[in-house]
N, C-alpha and C. Protein backbone atom coordinates (compact mmCIF):
# COMPACT_ATOMS: atom_id res chain seq x y z
N UNK A 1 -19.43 27.77 -99.05
CA UNK A 1 -19.17 26.72 -97.88
C UNK A 1 -19.86 25.38 -98.60
N UNK A 2 -21.10 25.50 -98.91
CA UNK A 2 -21.92 24.31 -98.66
C UNK A 2 -21.00 23.26 -100.30
N UNK A 3 -20.53 23.91 -100.96
CA UNK A 3 -19.70 22.94 -102.06
C UNK A 3 -18.75 22.47 -101.94
N UNK A 4 -17.72 23.70 -100.81
CA UNK A 4 -16.77 22.92 -100.33
C UNK A 4 -16.88 21.61 -99.99
N UNK A 5 -17.77 21.73 -99.07
CA UNK A 5 -18.41 20.50 -98.31
C UNK A 5 -18.54 19.04 -99.28
N UNK A 6 -19.47 19.19 -100.07
CA UNK A 6 -19.87 18.67 -101.21
C UNK A 6 -18.50 17.99 -101.93
N UNK A 7 -17.89 18.76 -102.03
CA UNK A 7 -16.29 17.92 -102.88
C UNK A 7 -15.62 17.57 -101.95
N UNK A 8 -15.31 17.59 -100.63
CA UNK A 8 -14.94 17.00 -99.79
C UNK A 8 -15.70 15.63 -99.42
N UNK A 9 -16.85 15.66 -99.43
CA UNK A 9 -17.38 14.69 -99.03
C UNK A 9 -17.00 13.65 -100.39
N UNK A 10 -17.15 14.46 -101.62
CA UNK A 10 -17.10 13.30 -102.69
C UNK A 10 -15.60 12.59 -102.83
N UNK A 11 -14.88 13.44 -102.52
CA UNK A 11 -13.22 12.69 -102.18
C UNK A 11 -13.35 11.95 -102.11
N UNK A 12 -14.22 11.88 -100.14
CA UNK A 12 -13.70 11.19 -99.06
C UNK A 12 -14.82 9.43 -99.92
N UNK A 13 -15.47 10.01 -100.35
CA UNK A 13 -16.06 8.31 -101.11
C UNK A 13 -15.35 7.96 -101.46
N UNK A 14 -14.87 9.28 -102.75
CA UNK A 14 -14.03 8.09 -103.93
C UNK A 14 -12.43 7.32 -103.45
N UNK A 15 -12.50 7.37 -102.06
CA UNK A 15 -10.92 7.23 -101.43
C UNK A 15 -11.60 6.34 -100.89
N UNK A 16 -12.67 6.02 -100.04
CA UNK A 16 -13.04 4.97 -99.22
C UNK A 16 -13.58 3.70 -100.42
N UNK A 17 -14.24 3.82 -101.92
CA UNK A 17 -14.55 3.35 -102.89
C UNK A 17 -13.62 2.45 -103.72
N UNK A 18 -12.18 3.41 -103.57
CA UNK A 18 -11.30 2.64 -104.10
C UNK A 18 -10.49 1.65 -103.67
N UNK A 19 -10.26 2.09 -101.88
CA UNK A 19 -9.90 1.60 -101.29
C UNK A 19 -10.58 0.05 -100.78
N UNK A 20 -11.49 0.27 -100.82
CA UNK A 20 -12.37 -1.12 -100.54
C UNK A 20 -12.81 -1.88 -101.65
N UNK A 21 -12.29 -1.63 -102.76
CA UNK A 21 -12.40 -2.22 -104.28
C UNK A 21 -10.85 -3.04 -104.45
N UNK A 22 -10.25 -2.56 -103.65
CA UNK A 22 -8.47 -3.34 -103.74
C UNK A 22 -7.77 -2.26 -104.57
N UNK A 23 -8.41 -1.51 -105.54
CA UNK A 23 -7.65 -0.46 -106.24
C UNK A 23 -6.39 -0.06 -105.70
N UNK A 24 -5.84 0.78 -106.46
CA UNK A 24 -4.22 1.11 -106.31
C UNK A 24 -4.74 2.78 -105.01
N UNK A 25 -5.19 2.69 -103.91
CA UNK A 25 -5.05 3.77 -102.73
C UNK A 25 -3.56 3.57 -102.71
N UNK A 26 -2.99 4.58 -101.75
CA UNK A 26 -2.11 5.41 -101.59
C UNK A 26 -0.98 3.95 -100.76
N UNK A 27 -1.83 3.16 -99.93
CA UNK A 27 -1.28 2.41 -99.06
C UNK A 27 -1.02 0.82 -99.70
N UNK A 28 -2.36 0.78 -100.64
CA UNK A 28 -1.85 -0.55 -101.52
C UNK A 28 -0.59 -0.69 -102.54
N UNK A 29 0.02 0.68 -102.67
CA UNK A 29 0.68 1.05 -103.62
C UNK A 29 2.36 0.84 -103.15
N UNK A 30 2.53 0.80 -101.53
CA UNK A 30 3.36 0.67 -101.02
C UNK A 30 3.40 -0.59 -101.04
N UNK A 31 2.46 -1.27 -100.67
CA UNK A 31 2.48 -2.49 -99.97
C UNK A 31 2.92 -3.35 -101.72
N UNK A 32 2.41 -3.19 -102.46
CA UNK A 32 2.36 -4.12 -103.38
C UNK A 32 3.85 -4.37 -104.03
N UNK A 33 4.60 -3.03 -103.66
CA UNK A 33 5.84 -2.60 -104.75
C UNK A 33 6.51 -3.42 -103.66
N UNK A 34 6.42 -4.07 -102.68
CA UNK A 34 7.44 -4.26 -101.53
C UNK A 34 7.12 -6.27 -101.93
N UNK A 35 7.86 -6.78 -102.51
CA UNK A 35 7.82 -8.10 -103.39
C UNK A 35 8.38 -8.94 -102.22
N UNK A 36 8.95 -8.61 -101.31
CA UNK A 36 9.59 -9.33 -99.93
C UNK A 36 8.60 -9.92 -99.29
N UNK A 37 7.27 -9.27 -99.19
CA UNK A 37 6.40 -9.64 -98.27
C UNK A 37 5.29 -10.49 -99.03
N UNK A 38 5.49 -11.28 -100.04
CA UNK A 38 4.60 -12.21 -100.77
C UNK A 38 4.70 -13.36 -99.85
N UNK A 39 3.87 -14.04 -99.71
CA UNK A 39 3.80 -15.44 -98.99
C UNK A 39 2.78 -16.32 -99.50
N UNK A 40 3.07 -18.01 -99.19
CA UNK A 40 2.32 -19.41 -99.04
C UNK A 40 0.96 -18.47 -99.66
N UNK A 41 0.48 -18.87 -101.30
CA UNK A 41 -1.17 -18.31 -101.71
C UNK A 41 -0.97 -17.16 -102.25
N UNK A 42 0.00 -16.37 -102.24
CA UNK A 42 -0.15 -15.23 -102.99
C UNK A 42 0.61 -15.57 -104.33
N UNK A 43 -0.20 -15.09 -105.29
CA UNK A 43 0.48 -14.78 -106.79
C UNK A 43 1.85 -14.39 -106.73
N UNK A 44 2.78 -14.85 -107.37
CA UNK A 44 4.12 -14.10 -107.43
C UNK A 44 4.93 -14.99 -106.17
N UNK A 45 4.34 -16.18 -105.46
CA UNK A 45 5.19 -16.73 -104.55
C UNK A 45 5.44 -18.39 -105.02
N UNK A 46 6.62 -18.85 -104.81
CA UNK A 46 7.03 -20.11 -104.61
C UNK A 46 7.76 -20.98 -103.77
N UNK A 47 7.27 -21.64 -103.13
CA UNK A 47 8.08 -22.37 -102.23
C UNK A 47 8.90 -23.64 -103.09
N UNK A 48 10.18 -23.27 -103.72
CA UNK A 48 10.58 -24.08 -104.63
C UNK A 48 11.16 -25.56 -103.90
N UNK A 49 12.37 -25.75 -103.03
CA UNK A 49 12.14 -26.88 -102.59
C UNK A 49 11.67 -26.82 -101.24
N UNK A 50 11.08 -28.35 -101.03
CA UNK A 50 10.17 -28.28 -99.59
C UNK A 50 10.88 -27.68 -98.71
N UNK A 51 10.00 -27.74 -97.85
CA UNK A 51 10.72 -26.82 -96.61
C UNK A 51 11.66 -27.91 -95.67
N UNK A 52 11.55 -29.40 -95.48
CA UNK A 52 12.66 -29.89 -95.26
C UNK A 52 13.87 -30.33 -95.65
N UNK A 53 13.92 -30.19 -96.86
CA UNK A 53 15.12 -30.42 -97.40
C UNK A 53 15.99 -29.93 -97.44
N UNK A 54 17.31 -30.40 -97.12
CA UNK A 54 18.80 -30.35 -96.51
C UNK A 54 19.03 -29.26 -97.04
N UNK A 55 19.78 -28.54 -96.56
CA UNK A 55 20.58 -27.20 -97.24
C UNK A 55 19.81 -25.93 -96.29
N UNK A 56 20.72 -24.91 -97.05
CA UNK A 56 20.81 -23.45 -96.23
C UNK A 56 19.78 -22.57 -97.32
N UNK A 57 18.61 -22.04 -96.04
CA UNK A 57 17.52 -21.85 -96.95
C UNK A 57 18.15 -20.37 -97.77
N UNK A 58 17.33 -19.99 -98.72
CA UNK A 58 17.36 -19.11 -100.00
C UNK A 58 16.11 -18.57 -100.07
N UNK A 59 16.16 -17.02 -99.98
CA UNK A 59 14.94 -16.01 -100.64
C UNK A 59 15.81 -15.01 -101.44
N UNK A 60 14.47 -15.32 -102.45
CA UNK A 60 15.12 -14.11 -103.69
C UNK A 60 13.61 -13.63 -104.09
N UNK A 61 14.02 -12.38 -104.46
CA UNK A 61 12.61 -11.72 -104.43
C UNK A 61 13.06 -10.78 -105.45
N UNK A 62 11.78 -10.07 -106.50
CA UNK A 62 12.34 -8.67 -107.18
C UNK A 62 11.03 -8.73 -108.24
N UNK A 63 11.34 -8.41 -109.16
CA UNK A 63 10.65 -7.78 -110.51
C UNK A 63 10.80 -8.18 -111.80
N UNK A 64 10.09 -8.32 -112.47
CA UNK A 64 10.34 -8.86 -114.12
C UNK A 64 9.98 -7.49 -114.73
N UNK A 65 11.01 -7.01 -115.22
CA UNK A 65 10.69 -5.95 -116.03
C UNK A 65 10.78 -5.77 -117.21
N UNK A 66 10.22 -4.52 -117.98
CA UNK A 66 10.46 -3.85 -119.48
C UNK A 66 11.86 -3.18 -119.62
N UNK A 67 12.55 -4.15 -120.12
CA UNK A 67 14.17 -3.51 -120.26
C UNK A 67 13.87 -1.91 -120.80
N UNK A 68 13.07 -1.18 -121.23
CA UNK A 68 12.70 -0.01 -122.06
C UNK A 68 12.41 0.76 -121.04
N UNK A 69 11.17 0.45 -120.65
CA UNK A 69 10.68 1.08 -119.90
C UNK A 69 10.40 1.03 -118.28
N UNK A 70 11.13 0.07 -118.04
CA UNK A 70 10.83 -0.31 -116.75
C UNK A 70 10.20 -0.32 -115.85
N UNK A 71 8.61 -0.33 -117.01
CA UNK A 71 7.69 -1.15 -116.09
C UNK A 71 7.10 -2.35 -115.64
N UNK A 72 6.88 -2.79 -114.87
CA UNK A 72 7.00 -4.47 -114.38
C UNK A 72 6.01 -5.50 -115.15
N UNK A 73 6.02 -6.58 -115.43
CA UNK A 73 5.46 -7.15 -116.15
C UNK A 73 4.66 -8.33 -115.38
N UNK A 74 3.38 -8.03 -115.88
CA UNK A 74 2.01 -8.99 -114.53
C UNK A 74 2.39 -10.18 -115.70
N UNK A 75 2.10 -11.47 -114.60
CA UNK A 75 1.98 -12.74 -115.16
C UNK A 75 3.07 -13.30 -116.28
N UNK A 76 3.76 -13.14 -115.86
CA UNK A 76 5.35 -12.90 -116.78
C UNK A 76 5.78 -14.98 -116.06
N UNK A 77 6.04 -15.83 -116.98
CA UNK A 77 5.94 -17.21 -116.26
C UNK A 77 7.47 -17.37 -115.97
N UNK A 78 8.01 -17.72 -114.68
CA UNK A 78 9.31 -18.38 -114.64
C UNK A 78 9.54 -19.54 -114.19
N UNK A 79 9.88 -20.43 -115.02
CA UNK A 79 10.63 -21.37 -114.81
C UNK A 79 11.56 -21.62 -114.10
N UNK A 80 11.92 -22.55 -112.82
CA UNK A 80 12.86 -22.36 -112.45
C UNK A 80 13.77 -24.04 -111.83
N UNK A 81 14.94 -24.47 -112.05
CA UNK A 81 15.36 -25.51 -111.47
C UNK A 81 16.87 -25.16 -111.27
N UNK A 82 17.45 -26.15 -110.13
CA UNK A 82 18.43 -26.22 -109.61
C UNK A 82 19.04 -27.64 -108.78
N UNK A 83 20.06 -27.41 -108.80
CA UNK A 83 20.42 -28.90 -107.74
C UNK A 83 19.89 -28.78 -106.27
N UNK A 84 20.11 -29.67 -105.89
CA UNK A 84 19.70 -30.11 -104.51
C UNK A 84 21.22 -29.68 -103.85
N UNK A 85 21.36 -29.72 -102.61
CA UNK A 85 22.61 -29.44 -101.48
C UNK A 85 23.80 -29.89 -101.71
N UNK A 86 23.84 -31.06 -102.43
CA UNK A 86 25.06 -32.23 -103.05
C UNK A 86 25.48 -31.88 -104.15
N UNK A 87 24.54 -30.51 -105.28
CA UNK A 87 25.01 -30.46 -106.48
C UNK A 87 24.28 -31.32 -107.27
N UNK A 88 23.36 -32.40 -106.82
CA UNK A 88 22.90 -33.43 -108.24
C UNK A 88 21.80 -32.45 -108.46
N UNK A 89 21.12 -32.76 -109.69
CA UNK A 89 19.71 -32.36 -110.15
C UNK A 89 18.72 -33.27 -109.90
N UNK A 90 18.84 -34.18 -110.20
CA UNK A 90 18.18 -35.73 -109.61
C UNK A 90 18.96 -36.82 -110.01
N UNK A 91 18.53 -37.68 -108.82
CA UNK A 91 19.21 -38.96 -108.82
C UNK A 91 18.84 -40.07 -109.94
N UNK A 92 18.27 -39.55 -110.40
CA UNK A 92 17.29 -40.47 -111.66
C UNK A 92 18.18 -40.00 -113.16
N UNK A 93 19.43 -39.40 -113.07
CA UNK A 93 19.61 -38.70 -114.18
C UNK A 93 18.69 -38.28 -115.13
N UNK A 94 18.80 -38.19 -115.93
CA UNK A 94 18.23 -37.13 -117.08
C UNK A 94 18.29 -36.18 -117.07
N UNK A 95 17.93 -35.21 -118.18
CA UNK A 95 18.17 -33.57 -118.38
C UNK A 95 18.03 -33.12 -117.22
N UNK A 96 18.60 -32.10 -117.24
CA UNK A 96 18.99 -30.91 -115.73
C UNK A 96 17.51 -30.25 -115.70
N UNK A 97 16.83 -29.81 -116.67
CA UNK A 97 15.53 -29.05 -116.46
C UNK A 97 14.61 -29.66 -115.76
N UNK A 98 14.69 -31.28 -115.58
CA UNK A 98 13.95 -32.45 -114.76
C UNK A 98 14.36 -32.43 -113.84
N UNK A 99 14.98 -31.90 -113.49
CA UNK A 99 15.57 -31.44 -112.29
C UNK A 99 14.61 -31.83 -110.75
N UNK A 100 14.79 -32.18 -109.39
CA UNK A 100 14.16 -32.70 -109.00
C UNK A 100 13.73 -31.70 -108.30
N UNK A 101 14.23 -30.56 -107.63
CA UNK A 101 13.63 -29.35 -107.27
C UNK A 101 14.10 -28.27 -108.45
N UNK A 102 12.31 -27.73 -108.96
CA UNK A 102 11.97 -26.97 -109.87
C UNK A 102 10.66 -26.76 -109.85
N UNK A 103 10.26 -25.86 -110.69
CA UNK A 103 8.81 -25.06 -110.13
C UNK A 103 8.44 -24.05 -110.99
N UNK A 104 7.36 -23.72 -111.16
CA UNK A 104 6.88 -22.55 -111.72
C UNK A 104 6.26 -21.71 -111.50
N UNK A 105 6.43 -20.13 -111.80
CA UNK A 105 5.59 -19.23 -110.58
C UNK A 105 5.41 -18.17 -111.61
N UNK A 106 4.32 -17.39 -111.45
CA UNK A 106 3.94 -16.28 -112.37
C UNK A 106 4.01 -14.62 -111.36
N UNK A 107 4.14 -13.71 -111.94
CA UNK A 107 4.62 -12.71 -111.32
C UNK A 107 2.59 -12.32 -111.21
N UNK A 108 2.91 -11.49 -110.08
CA UNK A 108 1.58 -10.95 -109.74
C UNK A 108 1.82 -9.12 -110.60
N UNK A 109 0.30 -8.43 -110.46
CA UNK A 109 0.13 -7.96 -110.75
C UNK A 109 1.45 -6.40 -110.93
N UNK A 110 2.00 -6.83 -109.80
CA UNK A 110 2.99 -5.57 -110.04
C UNK A 110 4.32 -6.14 -110.74
N UNK A 111 4.38 -7.28 -111.01
CA UNK A 111 5.43 -8.04 -111.84
C UNK A 111 6.52 -8.62 -110.93
N UNK A 112 5.78 -9.05 -109.88
CA UNK A 112 6.73 -9.11 -108.95
C UNK A 112 6.67 -10.93 -108.01
N UNK A 113 7.82 -11.21 -107.92
CA UNK A 113 7.84 -12.53 -107.06
C UNK A 113 9.12 -12.78 -106.46
N UNK A 114 8.61 -14.11 -105.45
CA UNK A 114 9.45 -14.35 -104.43
C UNK A 114 9.69 -16.11 -104.20
N UNK A 115 11.01 -16.18 -104.67
CA UNK A 115 10.99 -17.51 -104.62
C UNK A 115 11.88 -18.23 -102.92
N UNK A 116 11.33 -19.18 -102.32
CA UNK A 116 12.21 -19.49 -101.15
C UNK A 116 12.19 -21.13 -101.71
N UNK A 117 14.15 -21.34 -101.67
CA UNK A 117 14.25 -22.52 -101.54
C UNK A 117 15.72 -22.89 -100.86
N UNK A 118 16.58 -23.61 -101.27
CA UNK A 118 17.64 -23.57 -100.53
C UNK A 118 19.00 -23.11 -101.33
N UNK A 119 20.24 -22.92 -101.06
CA UNK A 119 21.18 -22.17 -101.41
C UNK A 119 22.21 -23.65 -102.84
N UNK A 120 21.71 -23.52 -103.77
CA UNK A 120 22.05 -24.87 -104.61
C UNK A 120 23.49 -25.39 -104.04
N UNK A 121 23.66 -26.74 -104.29
CA UNK A 121 25.18 -26.83 -104.11
C UNK A 121 26.34 -26.97 -104.88
N UNK A 122 27.46 -27.02 -104.68
CA UNK A 122 28.33 -26.88 -105.69
C UNK A 122 28.31 -28.75 -106.84
N UNK A 123 28.56 -28.48 -108.07
CA UNK A 123 28.73 -29.81 -108.79
C UNK A 123 29.31 -30.74 -107.93
N UNK A 124 29.35 -31.66 -107.86
CA UNK A 124 30.17 -32.88 -106.70
C UNK A 124 31.65 -32.80 -108.19
N UNK A 125 32.94 -32.58 -106.90
CA UNK A 125 33.66 -32.13 -107.22
C UNK A 125 34.49 -30.95 -108.00
N UNK A 126 33.29 -29.95 -107.68
CA UNK A 126 34.04 -28.59 -108.14
C UNK A 126 33.70 -27.44 -107.57
N UNK A 127 34.29 -26.35 -106.83
CA UNK A 127 34.12 -25.67 -106.08
C UNK A 127 33.26 -24.28 -106.67
N UNK A 128 32.55 -23.64 -106.11
CA UNK A 128 32.03 -22.44 -106.77
C UNK A 128 31.49 -22.35 -107.91
N UNK A 129 30.29 -23.38 -107.88
CA UNK A 129 29.45 -23.16 -109.15
C UNK A 129 28.15 -23.42 -108.87
N UNK A 130 27.63 -22.94 -107.45
CA UNK A 130 26.38 -22.48 -107.34
C UNK A 130 25.62 -22.09 -108.02
N UNK A 131 24.24 -22.20 -108.49
CA UNK A 131 23.21 -21.63 -109.18
C UNK A 131 22.12 -22.06 -109.54
N UNK A 132 21.21 -21.12 -110.11
CA UNK A 132 19.88 -21.78 -110.38
C UNK A 132 19.39 -21.13 -111.56
N UNK A 133 19.06 -22.18 -112.14
CA UNK A 133 18.54 -21.97 -113.58
C UNK A 133 17.02 -20.98 -113.58
N UNK A 134 17.00 -20.15 -114.98
CA UNK A 134 15.58 -19.66 -115.12
C UNK A 134 15.11 -19.50 -116.33
N UNK A 135 13.80 -19.47 -117.15
CA UNK A 135 13.88 -19.40 -118.10
C UNK A 135 12.28 -18.45 -118.13
N UNK A 136 12.25 -17.70 -118.74
CA UNK A 136 11.25 -16.48 -118.33
C UNK A 136 10.29 -16.16 -119.54
N UNK A 137 9.07 -16.51 -119.32
CA UNK A 137 8.16 -15.99 -120.81
C UNK A 137 7.09 -15.06 -120.27
N UNK A 138 6.91 -14.22 -121.57
CA UNK A 138 5.64 -12.91 -120.98
C UNK A 138 5.04 -12.51 -122.22
N UNK A 139 4.07 -12.62 -122.21
CA UNK A 139 3.51 -12.37 -123.91
C UNK A 139 4.16 -10.98 -124.48
N UNK A 140 4.29 -11.00 -125.48
CA UNK A 140 4.37 -9.52 -126.41
C UNK A 140 6.27 -9.63 -125.62
N UNK A 141 7.47 -10.43 -125.47
CA UNK A 141 8.33 -10.39 -125.20
C UNK A 141 8.85 -11.73 -125.20
N UNK A 142 10.59 -11.43 -125.69
CA UNK A 142 11.44 -12.49 -125.94
C UNK A 142 11.48 -13.39 -125.11
N UNK A 143 11.28 -14.54 -124.98
CA UNK A 143 11.62 -15.58 -123.85
C UNK A 143 13.38 -15.47 -123.32
N UNK A 144 13.56 -15.62 -122.00
CA UNK A 144 14.90 -15.01 -121.48
C UNK A 144 15.61 -16.40 -120.90
N UNK A 145 16.71 -16.90 -121.09
CA UNK A 145 17.31 -18.10 -120.63
C UNK A 145 18.41 -17.50 -119.96
N UNK A 146 18.75 -17.89 -118.80
CA UNK A 146 19.98 -17.04 -118.05
C UNK A 146 19.99 -18.48 -116.64
N UNK A 147 21.15 -17.74 -116.31
CA UNK A 147 21.64 -18.52 -114.92
C UNK A 147 21.82 -17.13 -113.67
N UNK A 148 21.42 -17.69 -112.62
CA UNK A 148 21.50 -16.51 -111.82
C UNK A 148 22.95 -17.22 -110.93
N UNK A 149 24.03 -16.89 -110.58
CA UNK A 149 24.91 -17.31 -109.40
C UNK A 149 25.18 -16.28 -108.33
N UNK A 150 25.42 -17.15 -107.55
CA UNK A 150 25.33 -15.92 -105.96
C UNK A 150 27.20 -15.64 -105.96
N UNK A 151 26.70 -14.17 -105.43
CA UNK A 151 28.00 -13.61 -105.44
C UNK A 151 28.74 -14.23 -103.71
N UNK A 152 30.21 -14.59 -103.70
CA UNK A 152 31.17 -15.44 -102.70
C UNK A 152 30.58 -16.86 -103.15
N UNK A 153 29.50 -17.24 -104.09
CA UNK A 153 29.55 -18.84 -104.42
C UNK A 153 29.79 -19.32 -105.55
N UNK A 154 30.47 -18.35 -106.39
CA UNK A 154 30.61 -18.61 -107.64
C UNK A 154 32.21 -18.22 -108.04
N UNK A 155 32.53 -18.43 -108.90
CA UNK A 155 34.25 -18.45 -109.77
C UNK A 155 34.08 -16.64 -110.16
N UNK A 156 35.18 -16.20 -110.19
CA UNK A 156 35.52 -14.75 -111.19
C UNK A 156 34.99 -14.87 -112.61
N UNK A 157 35.26 -16.17 -113.32
CA UNK A 157 35.79 -15.88 -114.53
C UNK A 157 34.25 -17.05 -115.63
N UNK A 158 33.22 -16.75 -115.14
CA UNK A 158 32.10 -17.10 -115.92
C UNK A 158 31.30 -16.50 -116.61
N UNK A 159 32.23 -15.51 -117.24
CA UNK A 159 31.64 -14.57 -117.92
C UNK A 159 31.07 -15.22 -119.03
N UNK A 160 31.67 -15.85 -119.44
CA UNK A 160 32.30 -17.25 -120.84
C UNK A 160 31.02 -17.97 -121.39
N UNK A 161 29.96 -18.23 -120.47
CA UNK A 161 29.16 -18.94 -119.99
C UNK A 161 27.63 -18.14 -120.45
N UNK A 162 28.28 -17.70 -121.40
CA UNK A 162 26.45 -17.58 -122.08
C UNK A 162 25.77 -16.57 -120.88
N UNK A 163 24.27 -15.82 -120.84
CA UNK A 163 23.94 -14.90 -120.66
C UNK A 163 23.54 -15.03 -119.23
N UNK A 164 23.74 -14.60 -118.27
CA UNK A 164 23.99 -14.95 -116.53
C UNK A 164 23.86 -13.59 -115.77
N UNK A 165 23.38 -13.78 -114.90
CA UNK A 165 23.54 -12.83 -113.72
C UNK A 165 24.54 -13.13 -112.08
N UNK A 166 24.84 -12.23 -111.73
CA UNK A 166 25.45 -12.67 -110.84
C UNK A 166 25.01 -11.78 -108.95
N UNK A 167 24.23 -12.44 -108.26
CA UNK A 167 23.00 -12.17 -107.28
C UNK A 167 24.19 -12.06 -105.95
N UNK A 168 23.96 -10.98 -105.32
CA UNK A 168 24.57 -10.44 -104.02
C UNK A 168 23.85 -10.84 -103.18
N UNK A 169 23.85 -12.08 -102.49
CA UNK A 169 22.88 -12.42 -100.86
C UNK A 169 23.38 -12.27 -99.85
N UNK A 170 23.20 -12.30 -98.74
CA UNK A 170 23.17 -11.26 -97.71
C UNK A 170 22.68 -12.17 -96.91
N UNK A 171 23.52 -13.07 -95.73
CA UNK A 171 22.73 -14.03 -94.56
C UNK A 171 22.13 -13.47 -93.33
N UNK A 172 21.08 -13.34 -93.47
CA UNK A 172 20.33 -13.02 -92.37
C UNK A 172 20.28 -13.77 -91.17
N UNK A 173 19.96 -13.03 -89.94
CA UNK A 173 19.82 -13.16 -88.53
C UNK A 173 19.11 -14.45 -88.43
N UNK A 174 18.13 -14.78 -89.28
CA UNK A 174 17.34 -16.07 -88.90
C UNK A 174 18.49 -17.19 -89.61
N UNK A 175 19.69 -17.10 -90.10
CA UNK A 175 20.33 -18.05 -91.25
C UNK A 175 19.51 -18.34 -92.36
N UNK A 176 18.90 -17.20 -93.04
CA UNK A 176 18.82 -17.65 -94.79
C UNK A 176 19.16 -16.44 -95.46
N UNK A 177 19.86 -16.82 -96.47
CA UNK A 177 20.34 -16.12 -97.23
C UNK A 177 18.89 -15.45 -98.22
N UNK A 178 19.21 -14.06 -98.15
CA UNK A 178 18.18 -13.44 -99.34
C UNK A 178 18.86 -12.53 -100.23
N UNK A 179 18.43 -12.46 -100.96
CA UNK A 179 18.87 -11.95 -102.29
C UNK A 179 17.87 -10.88 -103.12
N UNK A 180 17.88 -10.03 -103.75
CA UNK A 180 16.99 -9.25 -104.50
C UNK A 180 17.70 -8.92 -105.91
N UNK A 181 16.82 -9.35 -106.86
CA UNK A 181 16.95 -8.86 -108.49
C UNK A 181 15.58 -8.44 -109.22
N UNK A 182 16.07 -7.31 -110.08
CA UNK A 182 14.89 -7.30 -110.79
C UNK A 182 15.56 -7.77 -112.51
N UNK A 183 14.35 -8.13 -113.16
CA UNK A 183 14.82 -8.85 -114.50
C UNK A 183 14.40 -8.36 -114.79
N UNK A 184 15.42 -7.71 -116.21
CA UNK A 184 14.52 -6.96 -117.47
C UNK A 184 14.72 -7.72 -118.36
N UNK A 185 13.02 -7.78 -119.24
CA UNK A 185 12.87 -8.54 -120.53
C UNK A 185 13.05 -7.77 -121.60
N UNK A 186 12.98 -8.26 -123.04
CA UNK A 186 13.15 -7.28 -124.29
C UNK A 186 11.74 -7.58 -124.94
N UNK A 187 11.20 -6.62 -125.51
CA UNK A 187 10.39 -6.96 -126.28
C UNK A 187 10.68 -7.47 -127.33
N UNK A 188 9.15 -8.39 -127.99
CA UNK A 188 9.46 -8.56 -129.27
C UNK A 188 9.35 -7.73 -130.50
N UNK A 189 9.91 -7.89 -131.62
CA UNK A 189 10.12 -6.82 -132.49
C UNK A 189 8.10 -6.35 -133.02
N UNK A 190 7.68 -7.05 -132.96
CA UNK A 190 6.00 -6.54 -132.96
C UNK A 190 5.53 -5.74 -131.68
N UNK A 191 6.14 -5.97 -130.60
CA UNK A 191 5.42 -5.29 -129.83
C UNK A 191 6.35 -3.94 -129.24
N UNK A 192 7.61 -4.23 -129.66
CA UNK A 192 8.54 -2.90 -129.96
C UNK A 192 7.95 -1.49 -130.85
N UNK A 193 7.23 -1.79 -131.77
CA UNK A 193 7.05 -0.37 -132.58
C UNK A 193 5.71 0.22 -132.34
């Protein structure tokens, strides 16, 4: 009986130690996996468009994961850029990747990211071309450049435009469009061995 109490006491101390040190206790795992809860000041969160930027609110969240193992990739760099609600990258002209609405975010320990922005506008004179560009880099992985289109806001014949994703977004009661995507990266040849 004494030995059972000592074992029980040791288990309780370990659980308290791991929880207090921010390590992976059962409650922390569930919270970290829920990327949608990221907020201002937390690693993995970016407010891409200013809060007073005209347009419909858009929130995109998810993970960057290894394409083979599906394990999360921490500290992956996501460079993002988009048009404003009128379809313009920058009133000053210049390259698209120098858009007025742009920024970089790094995934957190669980590979999570969350982007708050506005729904990009159609290019002037075009319909159904709303999209967000992204470039992802992570140590040991090939750079990934792609375009994220939004289901219901794009044409059906976009497959010839290079690597891309079509994200299904839903409008919430608070008038924010929300979508979730997990982005797979491919290891470099030296990492895959």
